[in-house]
Protein backbone atom coordinates (compact mmCIF):
# COMPACT_ATOMS: atom_id res chain seq x y z
CA MET A 1 9.20 -12.35 22.86
CA THR A 2 9.54 -14.48 25.96
CA SER A 3 11.90 -13.91 28.86
CA ARG A 4 12.68 -15.97 31.89
CA ASN A 5 11.55 -14.50 35.18
CA GLN A 6 14.93 -14.69 36.91
CA GLN A 7 13.76 -13.67 40.39
CA ASN A 8 10.29 -15.27 40.10
CA PHE A 9 8.74 -11.84 40.49
CA HIS A 10 4.96 -12.15 40.73
CA CYS A 11 4.94 -15.86 39.72
CA HIS A 12 6.97 -18.90 38.61
CA CYS A 13 6.08 -18.10 35.02
CA ARG A 14 7.33 -16.51 31.80
CA ILE A 15 7.44 -12.82 31.04
CA MET A 16 5.99 -12.08 27.61
CA SER A 17 6.16 -8.97 25.45
CA LYS A 18 4.80 -7.91 22.09
CA SER A 19 6.16 -5.46 19.57
CA TYR A 20 4.19 -4.02 16.70
CA ASP A 21 7.12 -2.44 14.86
CA GLY A 22 9.50 -5.33 14.22
CA ALA A 23 11.03 -5.28 17.73
CA GLU A 24 12.12 -1.65 17.49
CA SER A 25 10.15 -0.94 20.67
CA PHE A 26 8.05 -2.62 23.35
CA ALA A 27 5.36 -0.63 25.14
CA HIS A 28 5.05 -1.23 28.90
CA SER A 29 1.41 -2.12 28.34
CA ASP A 30 2.52 -5.01 26.09
CA ILE A 31 4.79 -6.64 28.69
CA TYR A 32 3.00 -9.12 30.93
CA PHE A 33 3.33 -12.30 33.00
CA ASP A 34 1.82 -15.39 31.39
CA GLU A 35 0.82 -17.52 34.38
CA THR A 36 -0.16 -20.39 32.07
CA LEU A 37 3.50 -20.81 31.13
CA ILE A 38 4.90 -22.08 34.43
CA ASP A 39 8.69 -22.02 34.39
CA PRO A 40 11.60 -23.05 36.66
CA VAL A 41 13.79 -20.16 35.37
CA VAL A 42 15.28 -21.58 32.18
CA ALA A 43 15.84 -20.61 28.56
CA ALA A 44 12.73 -21.44 26.53
CA SER A 45 11.77 -21.06 22.87
CA LEU A 46 9.06 -19.36 20.83
CA LEU A 47 8.34 -20.10 17.18
CA ARG A 48 5.74 -18.52 14.93
CA TYR A 49 5.01 -20.87 12.05
CA ARG A 50 2.03 -20.98 9.68
CA ASN A 51 -0.20 -18.69 11.77
CA THR A 52 0.47 -20.59 14.99
CA VAL A 53 2.74 -19.70 17.89
CA TYR A 54 4.62 -22.57 19.55
CA PHE A 55 6.36 -22.44 22.92
CA SER A 56 8.69 -24.98 24.57
CA ASN A 57 10.09 -25.23 28.09
CA PRO A 58 10.30 -27.57 31.07
CA ALA A 59 6.76 -27.04 32.39
CA SER A 60 7.39 -27.05 36.12
CA LYS A 61 7.44 -24.27 38.71
CA LEU A 62 10.59 -25.35 40.51
CA LEU A 63 12.45 -28.16 38.70
CA ARG A 64 13.84 -28.51 35.19
CA ILE A 65 11.55 -31.42 34.27
CA ASN A 66 8.60 -32.10 31.98
CA MET A 67 9.61 -30.72 28.55
CA THR A 68 6.40 -29.49 26.96
CA VAL A 69 5.40 -27.82 23.70
CA ARG A 70 2.34 -25.56 23.72
CA TRP A 71 0.59 -23.82 20.85
CA SER A 72 -1.83 -20.98 20.35
CA GLY A 73 -3.38 -18.86 17.68
CA GLU A 74 -1.51 -16.20 15.79
CA ASP A 75 -0.96 -13.82 18.72
CA GLY A 76 0.14 -16.27 21.43
CA THR A 77 -3.00 -16.10 23.56
CA PRO A 78 -4.64 -18.21 24.75
CA TRP A 79 -2.58 -21.40 24.74
CA ILE A 80 -5.03 -23.89 23.27
CA GLY A 81 -3.04 -27.11 23.36
CA SER A 82 0.06 -28.83 24.64
CA VAL A 83 1.99 -32.04 24.29
CA GLY A 84 4.38 -33.50 26.82
CA VAL A 85 7.64 -34.44 25.11
CA TRP A 86 9.72 -35.76 28.05
CA LYS A 87 8.65 -36.06 31.71
CA GLY A 88 12.15 -36.42 33.06
CA PRO A 89 14.93 -33.88 33.56
CA SER A 90 15.04 -31.32 30.76
CA GLY A 91 16.60 -27.91 30.27
CA TYR A 92 17.16 -25.37 27.52
CA SER A 93 15.17 -25.81 24.32
CA CYS A 94 14.93 -24.41 20.82
CA LEU A 95 12.10 -24.76 18.27
CA THR A 96 12.35 -24.63 14.47
CA ASN A 97 10.20 -25.44 11.48
CA VAL A 98 11.07 -28.64 9.60
CA PRO A 99 10.01 -29.04 5.95
CA GLY A 100 8.30 -32.32 5.09
CA ARG A 101 8.67 -34.37 1.92
CA LEU A 102 5.06 -33.85 0.87
CA ALA A 103 3.23 -30.54 0.54
CA ASN A 104 0.83 -31.38 3.39
CA ASP A 105 3.61 -32.58 5.75
CA THR A 106 4.03 -29.98 8.48
CA PHE A 107 6.52 -30.49 11.29
CA ILE A 108 8.32 -28.51 13.93
CA GLY A 109 11.60 -29.55 15.44
CA LEU A 110 12.61 -29.33 19.07
CA VAL A 111 16.18 -29.51 20.32
CA PHE A 112 16.48 -29.77 24.09
CA GLU A 113 18.65 -30.87 26.98
CA LYS A 114 17.45 -34.24 28.25
CA GLY A 115 18.52 -36.61 30.98
CA ASN A 116 17.50 -39.42 33.27
CA ILE A 117 19.12 -38.01 36.42
CA HIS A 118 20.37 -34.55 35.35
CA TYR A 119 18.89 -32.41 32.60
CA TYR A 120 22.28 -31.86 30.94
CA GLU A 121 23.12 -35.52 30.18
CA SER A 122 22.35 -35.26 26.45
CA ILE A 123 20.99 -33.02 23.73
CA VAL A 124 18.25 -34.52 21.57
CA PHE A 125 16.20 -33.57 18.52
CA VAL A 126 12.49 -34.43 18.27
CA ARG A 127 10.32 -33.90 15.20
CA LEU A 128 6.65 -33.17 15.95
CA ARG A 129 3.85 -33.28 13.39
CA VAL A 130 1.59 -30.22 13.60
């Protein structure tokens, strides 16, 4: 699970937590700051799909700009790759899997707030091949 760090405690980054019982409980030892995931305090998205964890947010410490999708192995650490989706103003995002027409087509979808001056000017959908 990922949570925004509302007061920027410790860093301008995401708070992460892991549960090993279907989200019935979260041990304190499994709650941590992920300093790789810089964040301007915004709703982000996590998606686990085909043994990969994907994460989306505006990757900036202070401004809602630079919508980025990152990916990692099965457990979410370390983040091994990223792709910039939009450098301009961007806000809330949500990831989903998107079935392809062929068996080997694998996509994820990203819905996010996007703008040229303000992040809330439009809501767009982007399909990314993975």
